[in-house]
Protein backbone atom coordinates (compact mmCIF):
# COMPACT_ATOMS: atom_id res chain seq x y z
CA MET A 1 -0.03 0.00 -0.04
CA GLU A 2 1.10 3.58 -0.56
CA SER A 3 0.78 4.38 3.14
CA GLU A 4 3.38 1.74 3.95
CA ALA A 5 5.74 3.22 1.48
CA ILE A 6 5.28 6.72 2.92
CA SER A 7 6.13 5.53 6.42
CA VAL A 8 9.75 4.93 5.43
CA VAL A 9 10.47 8.46 4.19
CA ASN A 10 13.43 9.81 6.12
CA THR A 11 12.48 13.29 7.49
CA GLU A 12 15.96 13.90 8.78
CA ALA A 13 17.36 13.45 5.21
CA ILE A 14 14.83 16.00 3.91
CA GLN A 15 15.90 18.54 6.45
CA LYS A 16 19.56 17.97 5.68
CA ASN A 17 19.48 17.93 1.86
CA TYR A 18 16.86 20.61 1.01
CA PRO A 19 16.62 24.39 1.91
CA ALA A 20 14.41 25.22 4.84
CA LYS A 21 11.33 26.26 2.89
CA ILE A 22 11.37 23.15 0.72
CA ALA A 23 12.02 20.90 3.68
CA GLU A 24 9.13 22.40 5.50
CA LEU A 25 6.81 21.64 2.55
CA LEU A 26 8.05 18.10 2.19
CA ASN A 27 7.79 17.36 5.88
CA PHE A 28 4.22 18.56 5.76
CA ILE A 29 3.41 15.98 3.18
CA VAL A 30 5.13 13.25 5.17
CA VAL A 31 3.41 14.16 8.50
CA ASN A 32 0.07 14.14 6.78
CA ALA A 33 0.74 10.89 5.01
CA SER A 34 -2.42 9.17 6.34
CA TYR A 35 -4.59 11.75 4.66
CA LEU A 36 -2.58 11.90 1.47
CA SER A 37 -2.75 8.12 1.16
CA SER A 38 -6.39 8.49 0.04
CA ILE A 39 -5.33 10.35 -3.05
CA ASP A 40 -2.62 9.86 -5.69
CA PHE A 41 0.49 10.40 -3.54
CA ARG A 42 2.97 10.29 -6.39
CA THR A 43 1.14 12.98 -8.23
CA VAL A 44 1.07 15.09 -5.01
CA MET A 45 4.84 14.61 -4.54
CA LYS A 46 5.67 15.56 -8.16
CA ARG A 47 3.59 18.69 -7.95
CA SER A 48 4.93 19.60 -4.56
CA LEU A 49 8.52 19.16 -5.64
CA PHE A 50 7.79 21.30 -8.76
CA TYR A 51 6.38 24.15 -6.69
CA ALA A 52 9.14 23.79 -4.08
CA CYS A 53 11.84 24.07 -6.75
CA LEU A 54 9.99 27.01 -8.25
CA LEU A 55 10.02 28.59 -4.79
CA PHE A 56 13.73 27.94 -4.45
CA SER A 57 14.43 29.54 -7.85
CA PHE A 58 12.76 32.78 -6.58
CA GLN A 59 14.94 32.62 -3.44
CA THR A 60 18.16 32.58 -5.43
CA SER A 61 17.03 35.13 -8.01
CA GLY A 62 16.11 38.76 -7.34
CA GLN A 63 15.28 41.98 -9.15
CA ALA A 64 18.13 43.61 -11.07
CA ILE A 65 19.59 46.76 -9.41
CA THR A 66 18.70 48.68 -12.67
CA GLY A 67 14.96 47.97 -11.95
CA LEU A 68 14.89 49.33 -8.48
CA ASN A 69 13.69 52.81 -7.46
CA PHE A 70 16.24 54.51 -5.22
CA SER A 71 14.34 57.74 -4.54
CA HIS A 72 14.29 56.95 -0.79
CA TRP A 73 18.03 57.65 -0.77
CA TYR A 74 17.17 61.40 -1.05
CA ASN A 75 13.92 61.50 0.97
CA PRO A 76 14.36 63.03 4.40
CA GLN A 77 10.92 61.68 5.49
CA ASN A 78 11.92 58.02 4.81
CA GLU A 79 11.79 56.09 8.01
CA VAL A 80 15.24 54.69 7.67
CA SER A 81 18.50 55.50 5.84
CA LEU A 82 21.71 53.59 5.20
CA GLN A 83 25.04 55.10 4.24
CA LEU A 84 27.89 52.90 2.85
CA ASN A 85 31.52 53.77 2.32
CA LEU A 86 34.25 51.59 0.71
CA VAL A 87 37.80 51.81 1.91
CA ARG A 88 40.20 49.97 -0.40
CA GLU A 89 43.47 48.74 0.99
CA THR A 90 46.15 46.55 -0.49
CA ASN A 91 45.19 43.32 1.25
CA GLN A 92 41.52 43.96 2.08
CA TRP A 93 38.35 46.01 1.31
CA MET A 94 36.46 47.53 4.18
CA VAL A 95 32.86 48.70 3.96
CA HIS A 96 31.67 51.03 6.73
CA TYR A 97 27.90 51.41 7.16
CA GLN A 98 25.64 53.61 9.21
CA LEU A 99 21.87 52.72 9.64
CA LYS A 100 19.73 55.55 10.94
CA SER A 101 16.09 55.47 11.88
CA LEU A 102 13.79 58.57 11.77
CA ALA A 103 12.23 57.58 15.11
CA PRO A 104 13.76 55.72 18.04
CA GLY A 105 13.85 51.93 17.48
CA VAL A 106 16.62 51.08 15.09
CA GLU A 107 16.53 47.54 16.46
CA ARG A 108 13.31 47.04 14.44
CA TYR A 109 15.41 46.96 11.29
CA THR A 110 17.66 44.16 9.93
CA ILE A 111 20.12 44.36 7.07
CA THR A 112 20.53 41.45 4.64
CA TRP A 113 23.66 41.56 2.53
CA GLU A 114 23.79 40.26 -1.03
CA LYS A 115 26.48 40.14 -3.82
CA ARG A 116 25.64 41.00 -7.42
CA LEU A 117 28.12 40.68 -10.27
CA SER A 118 26.54 43.49 -12.21
CA PHE A 119 23.77 46.11 -12.11
CA SER A 120 21.70 44.02 -14.49
CA SER A 121 22.26 40.65 -12.81
CA ARG A 122 19.35 38.96 -11.15
CA ASP A 123 21.52 36.30 -9.60
CA VAL A 124 21.78 36.58 -5.86
CA LEU A 125 25.12 35.51 -4.32
CA SER A 126 25.46 35.07 -0.61
CA VAL A 127 27.77 37.21 1.52
CA ASN A 128 29.52 35.14 4.14
CA GLU A 129 31.64 37.97 5.65
CA LYS A 130 30.77 38.82 9.25
CA ASP A 131 28.86 42.05 9.95
CA SER A 132 30.76 43.69 12.88
CA VAL A 133 28.64 46.25 14.68
CA THR A 134 30.71 49.02 16.27
CA VAL A 135 28.10 51.44 17.58
CA SER A 136 24.45 50.79 18.48
CA ASN A 137 21.86 53.04 20.14
CA ALA A 138 18.21 53.95 19.73
CA ASN A 139 18.55 55.82 16.50
CA GLN A 140 21.61 54.46 14.71
CA ARG A 141 23.73 51.44 14.22
CA LYS A 142 27.27 51.49 12.77
CA GLY A 143 29.35 48.66 11.63
CA GLN A 144 31.71 47.25 9.03
CA LEU A 145 32.34 44.28 6.77
CA ILE A 146 35.77 43.23 5.50
CA PHE A 147 36.24 41.49 2.14
CA ALA A 148 39.11 39.99 0.23
CA PRO A 149 40.25 42.10 -2.69
CA SER A 150 38.76 41.20 -6.08
CA PRO A 151 40.32 41.84 -9.48
CA LYS A 152 36.89 42.50 -10.95
CA PRO A 153 34.14 44.95 -9.72
CA TRP A 154 30.97 43.74 -8.10
CA LEU A 155 28.12 45.18 -6.02
CA LEU A 156 27.39 44.83 -2.37
CA LEU A 157 23.55 45.10 -2.04
CA ALA A 158 21.98 45.86 1.28
CA LYS A 159 18.27 45.12 1.87
CA VAL A 160 16.88 46.97 4.96
CA VAL A 161 13.73 45.46 6.35
CA ASN A 162 11.30 46.78 8.98
CA ASN A 163 10.63 43.60 10.88
CA GLU A 164 7.18 44.80 12.01
CA THR A 165 5.81 45.95 8.64
CA GLN A 166 8.06 43.94 6.30
CA LYS A 167 8.62 47.04 4.30
CA ALA A 168 12.04 46.98 2.52
CA TRP A 169 14.51 49.46 1.05
CA TYR A 170 17.67 48.82 -0.99
CA TYR A 171 21.11 50.40 -0.91
CA TYR A 172 24.35 49.39 -2.58
CA GLN A 173 28.04 49.96 -2.73
CA PHE A 174 29.96 49.48 -5.99
CA MET A 175 33.03 47.43 -5.10
CA ASP A 176 35.60 48.69 -7.58
CA PRO A 177 39.25 47.51 -7.60
CA ILE A 178 40.34 51.01 -8.70
CA TYR A 179 38.16 52.85 -6.16
CA PRO A 180 40.49 55.60 -4.76
CA THR A 181 39.43 55.80 -1.11
CA SER A 182 42.13 54.47 1.22
CA GLY A 183 41.36 55.92 4.69
CA TRP A 184 38.70 57.62 6.81
CA LEU A 185 38.12 60.12 9.60
CA GLU A 186 36.55 59.31 12.99
CA ASP A 187 35.15 61.51 15.73
CA GLU A 188 33.88 60.62 19.25
CA ASN A 189 31.08 58.55 17.58
CA GLY A 190 33.29 56.61 15.27
CA TRP A 191 33.45 56.75 11.44
CA ILE A 192 31.94 59.95 10.10
CA SER A 193 29.56 59.23 7.25
CA ASP A 194 29.21 62.75 6.11
CA HIS A 195 31.24 64.03 3.15
CA PHE A 196 32.22 67.17 4.98
CA ALA A 197 34.02 68.01 8.27
CA THR A 198 33.64 70.85 10.76
CA PHE A 199 36.05 73.67 11.20
CA LYS A 200 38.29 73.45 14.24
CA LYS A 201 36.68 70.06 15.36
CA ARG A 202 39.02 67.27 16.49
CA TYR A 203 39.10 64.11 14.29
CA THR A 204 41.18 60.99 14.27
CA LEU A 205 42.79 59.84 11.02
CA SER A 206 42.51 56.07 10.41
CA ASN A 207 43.73 53.64 7.82
CA GLN A 208 44.70 49.97 7.73
CA SER A 209 48.19 50.33 6.28
CA GLY A 210 49.77 52.12 9.23
CA LYS A 211 51.55 54.51 6.83
CA ILE A 212 52.07 58.30 7.24
CA ILE A 213 49.31 60.31 5.57
CA TYR A 214 50.02 63.41 3.47
CA VAL A 215 47.44 66.11 3.57
CA SER A 216 47.02 68.75 0.84
CA PHE A 217 44.97 71.83 1.48
CA TYR A 218 43.24 73.78 -1.24
CA ASN A 219 41.98 77.25 -0.39
CA ARG A 220 39.60 77.35 -3.29
CA GLU A 221 35.96 78.28 -3.87
CA PHE A 222 34.16 76.37 -6.63
CA SER A 223 31.53 77.89 -8.91
CA ALA A 224 27.76 77.31 -8.74
CA PRO A 225 26.41 75.17 -11.62
CA LEU A 226 24.79 76.54 -14.70
CA PRO A 227 21.09 75.89 -15.32
CA PRO A 228 20.05 72.50 -16.75
CA PHE A 229 19.20 74.06 -20.18
CA SER A 230 22.59 75.63 -20.59
CA GLU A 231 24.50 74.52 -23.68
CA LYS A 232 27.73 74.17 -21.74
CA ALA A 233 28.73 72.90 -18.26
CA ILE A 234 31.45 74.01 -15.93
CA PRO A 235 34.25 71.50 -16.39
CA THR A 236 35.34 69.41 -13.39
CA ASP A 237 39.03 69.83 -12.56
CA GLN A 238 40.78 66.45 -12.38
CA PHE A 239 43.83 68.03 -10.74
CA LEU A 240 44.17 70.97 -8.41
CA PHE A 241 47.22 72.73 -7.14
CA HIS A 242 47.47 72.76 -3.44
CA ASP A 243 48.15 75.79 -1.24
CA SER A 244 49.85 73.91 1.56
CA THR A 245 50.73 70.45 2.81
CA PHE A 246 51.44 68.65 6.10
CA LYS A 247 51.64 65.09 7.47
CA ILE A 248 49.73 63.11 10.00
CA ALA A 249 50.59 59.79 11.51
CA PRO A 250 48.02 57.00 11.35
CA GLY A 251 45.77 57.32 14.41
CA GLY A 252 46.89 60.94 14.81
CA SER A 253 44.62 63.94 15.34
CA PHE A 254 43.39 66.20 12.66
CA ILE A 255 41.99 69.61 13.64
CA PRO A 256 41.16 71.63 10.44
CA LYS A 257 42.26 75.21 11.10
CA ARG A 258 41.13 76.60 7.70
CA ILE A 259 37.86 76.25 5.76
CA GLY A 260 38.49 74.60 2.42
CA LEU A 261 39.24 71.34 0.70
CA TYR A 262 41.54 68.71 2.27
CA LEU A 263 43.02 65.72 0.36
CA PHE A 264 44.37 62.78 2.33
CA GLN A 265 46.91 60.43 0.62
CA GLN A 266 49.49 57.71 1.53
CA ASP A 267 51.27 58.39 -1.77
CA THR A 268 51.11 61.78 -3.34
CA VAL A 269 51.82 60.56 -6.91
CA ALA A 270 49.13 57.87 -6.79
CA ALA A 271 45.45 58.27 -7.62
CA ASP A 272 44.51 57.06 -4.17
CA GLY A 273 43.19 58.88 -1.17
CA PHE A 274 40.03 60.70 0.00
CA ALA A 275 38.89 64.27 0.26
CA LEU A 276 36.59 66.26 2.52
CA ARG A 277 35.46 69.79 2.47
CA VAL A 278 35.77 71.60 5.82
CA LEU A 279 33.03 74.11 6.62
CA ASP A 280 31.78 76.09 9.65
CA GLU A 281 29.89 74.44 12.46
CA SER A 282 26.39 75.46 11.17
CA TYR A 283 26.86 73.47 7.89
CA PRO A 284 24.82 71.82 6.25
CA LYS A 285 22.57 74.67 7.38
CA LEU A 286 23.43 78.15 6.25
CA ALA A 287 23.24 80.60 9.18
CA LYS A 288 24.98 83.86 7.86
CA ILE A 289 23.37 86.38 5.56
CA ASP A 290 26.38 86.32 3.28
CA ASP A 291 26.06 82.53 2.99
CA LEU A 292 22.35 82.78 1.98
CA ILE A 293 23.02 84.93 -1.07
CA TRP A 294 24.73 82.48 -3.50
CA PRO A 295 22.12 79.70 -3.37
CA LEU A 296 19.46 82.27 -4.36
CA LEU A 297 21.25 82.58 -7.69
CA PHE A 298 18.90 79.92 -9.11
CA ILE A 299 15.62 81.85 -8.51
CA THR A 300 16.68 85.56 -8.84
CA THR A 301 17.07 87.84 -11.82
CA PRO A 302 20.54 89.25 -12.51
CA ASP A 303 19.42 92.59 -11.02
CA GLU A 304 17.95 91.07 -7.97
CA PHE A 305 21.07 88.99 -7.38
CA LYS A 306 23.21 92.10 -7.79
CA GLN A 307 21.12 93.85 -5.04
CA LEU A 308 21.67 90.81 -2.75
CA VAL A 309 25.38 90.91 -3.25
CA GLY A 310 25.28 94.74 -2.76
CA ALA A 311 23.52 94.31 0.65
CA LYS A 312 26.97 93.12 1.98
CA GLY A 313 25.33 91.19 4.90
CA ASP A 314 22.93 93.96 5.88
CA LYS A 315 19.77 92.10 6.92
CA PRO A 316 17.21 94.88 6.24
CA LYS A 317 18.55 95.31 2.69
CA PHE A 318 18.54 91.59 2.23
CA ASP A 319 15.00 91.26 3.46
CA LYS A 320 13.81 94.00 1.16
CA VAL A 321 15.01 92.14 -1.91
CA ILE A 322 13.27 88.99 -0.77
CA LEU A 323 10.07 90.96 0.01
CA ASP A 324 10.17 92.52 -3.50
CA ILE A 325 10.31 89.05 -5.06
CA THR A 326 7.49 87.48 -3.07
CA ARG A 327 5.43 90.71 -2.53
CA ASP A 328 4.17 89.53 0.88
CA LYS A 329 5.76 89.09 4.33
CA ASP A 330 4.11 85.70 5.01
CA ARG A 331 5.06 84.40 1.58
CA ALA A 332 8.64 85.78 2.11
CA ARG A 333 8.91 83.88 5.38
CA ASN A 334 7.54 80.70 3.82
CA PHE A 335 9.81 80.99 0.85
CA MET A 336 12.99 81.48 2.92
CA ARG A 337 12.10 78.53 5.21
CA SER A 338 11.23 76.08 2.42
CA TYR A 339 13.96 77.05 0.03
CA PHE A 340 16.73 76.84 2.57
CA GLN A 341 15.42 73.54 3.89
CA ARG A 342 16.07 72.26 0.38
CA VAL A 343 19.50 73.82 0.35
CA GLU A 344 20.27 72.15 3.65
CA LEU A 345 19.20 68.75 2.32
CA ALA A 346 21.24 69.24 -0.81
CA ASN A 347 24.23 69.93 1.32
CA ARG A 348 23.65 66.90 3.36
CA TYR A 349 23.09 64.49 0.47
CA PHE A 350 25.49 65.85 -2.18
CA SER A 351 28.50 67.57 -0.44
CA SER A 352 31.62 66.84 -2.37
CA PHE A 353 34.77 68.83 -3.03
CA LYS A 354 32.26 71.65 -3.05
CA GLU A 355 29.14 72.42 -1.10
CA GLY A 356 26.22 70.10 -1.95
CA TRP A 357 24.00 72.84 -3.44
CA LYS A 358 26.76 73.72 -5.90
CA THR A 359 26.78 70.24 -7.45
CA ASP A 360 24.53 69.45 -10.38
CA ARG A 361 22.44 67.01 -8.36
CA GLY A 362 22.31 69.51 -5.57
CA MET A 363 20.94 72.24 -7.91
CA ILE A 364 18.20 69.97 -9.35
CA TYR A 365 17.29 68.79 -5.83
CA THR A 366 17.18 72.39 -4.47
CA VAL A 367 14.82 73.50 -7.29
CA PHE A 368 12.66 70.45 -7.98
CA GLY A 369 12.87 68.52 -4.67
CA VAL A 370 12.89 64.79 -4.00
CA PRO A 371 12.57 62.89 -7.38
CA ASP A 372 9.68 60.49 -7.74
CA GLU A 373 11.90 57.87 -9.31
CA VAL A 374 15.64 57.33 -9.26
CA SER A 375 17.32 54.60 -11.26
CA LYS A 376 20.96 53.79 -11.18
CA ASN A 377 23.51 51.83 -13.16
CA GLN A 378 27.31 51.86 -13.31
CA GLY A 379 27.67 54.96 -15.43
CA ASN A 380 24.73 57.15 -14.63
CA GLU A 381 21.82 58.04 -12.41
CA VAL A 382 18.40 59.16 -13.76
CA TRP A 383 15.90 61.26 -11.88
CA TYR A 384 12.25 61.49 -12.94
CA TYR A 385 9.70 64.04 -11.78
CA ARG A 386 6.03 63.33 -12.63
CA GLY A 387 4.81 66.93 -11.99
CA THR A 388 6.88 68.43 -14.74
CA ASN A 389 7.41 65.15 -16.72
CA SER A 390 11.09 65.80 -16.54
CA ARG A 391 13.83 63.21 -16.67
CA PHE A 392 17.39 64.34 -15.59
CA THR A 393 20.39 62.06 -16.44
CA PHE A 394 23.57 62.53 -14.41
CA VAL A 395 26.71 60.90 -15.73
CA LYS A 396 29.34 59.70 -13.32
CA ALA A 397 32.49 61.83 -13.52
CA GLY A 398 34.58 60.80 -10.51
CA SER A 399 38.02 61.97 -9.54
CA ILE A 400 40.29 61.62 -6.53
CA TYR A 401 38.46 64.58 -4.95
CA ASP A 402 35.10 62.71 -5.23
CA ALA A 403 34.85 59.25 -6.61
CA ASP A 404 31.07 59.56 -6.79
CA ASN A 405 30.74 62.92 -8.53
CA TYR A 406 28.00 63.19 -11.20
CA VAL A 407 27.52 65.70 -13.96
CA LEU A 408 24.14 66.62 -15.49
CA LEU A 409 23.53 66.07 -19.21
CA ARG A 410 22.17 69.55 -20.02
CA ASP A 411 19.45 70.14 -22.61
CA LYS A 412 17.55 73.12 -23.89
CA ARG A 413 14.20 71.18 -23.44
CA PHE A 414 14.60 71.63 -19.63
CA MET A 415 14.01 75.39 -20.03
CA GLU A 416 10.22 75.37 -19.67
CA ALA A 417 10.18 73.04 -16.63
CA TRP A 418 12.93 75.06 -15.01
CA TYR A 419 11.26 78.45 -15.35
CA SER A 420 7.82 77.27 -14.53
CA THR A 421 9.20 75.76 -11.24
CA ILE A 422 11.22 78.93 -10.53
CA ASP A 423 7.96 80.97 -10.97
CA LEU A 424 6.31 78.79 -8.29
CA TRP A 425 9.21 79.48 -5.95
CA ARG A 426 8.95 83.17 -6.46
CA LYS A 427 5.27 83.00 -5.67
CA SER A 428 6.12 80.98 -2.57
CA ARG A 429 3.86 78.04 -3.64
CA PHE A 430 6.04 75.39 -1.99
């Protein structure tokens, strides 16, 4: 009888030789053998194994990175965020991460690490390296993973899941064998995830090689970007001439005494190192009248901007120009609050060798806000805004000063969307 044949099925072998989900399904069939004996058991087993294998195929195949929407990377209202940073050393690759939750309770979130061989690959490869947590409190968790060097690039994909709601978000780090970063700064809270440092604050310089670090200082201001419809773009300098240099021992202190750009290198003739811009303690917020003027370049006429510059930090004169633009005190207050919240976020997300709002992505973010859709691949990043039906493409143009710098592909067709959005800003309708 079929029931006698069923009784000899080895449940331990099932658990040993099949993945958990498949084993669970097969064990259910075995445990309920007395019921299943009344029907065609072989048919049930064949169908069950088919569906189990189908389930297993979904477990080892995922959505390609190119098909994911990464708009949550730039949404300050997203309940959780994850920052990743690759440090490439000769004998190992280290990935720092920082998980932050908007509300207390970061323990609600888990990170699942996956390996992908390309942006278009659906094959999910397991990550066996240990996730070492270095800092954990109510709102954040910091840690690191260490990998053996690879001669070929690949992607480390992080899936962050809210264990209560099962909602998930994706982040990734491109693991590039020629990625230039070879060190990092720490403060009292460990690795600093921001791409900027604070004037006169004490930091510790860290690397894995134990070598002396050479620091180059650049006393240089960088230009604001041209509008997205401009027929030319401001070129990105691949090499700058430093104003001064000094050395720091590994594990030594770094207290920036001047505002500007700092480049940290183990070898000054190699294309390796990392750079940070040092700004005053209010950054990414802008607190001084003089600092507020330049970001207003995007929404003012040449004459209005000239008046703002001519105010020379005089608040009544500055306020008068803003009031003349908005034509109402309440609208003026709303405009200043909303606009400079955007500037602050642009600084937080896109700071580079220059202030975040001065980058191409920072400019588009300041004017248009959080994109509805963000798609990414190895060479570019595309933002889509439904309201204006605008699609902005940013092409990767990295250098030793910022390996993840992106430049906007400008086009005259953006003129209408730009000016209609600027008009809304001037009427304080944000």
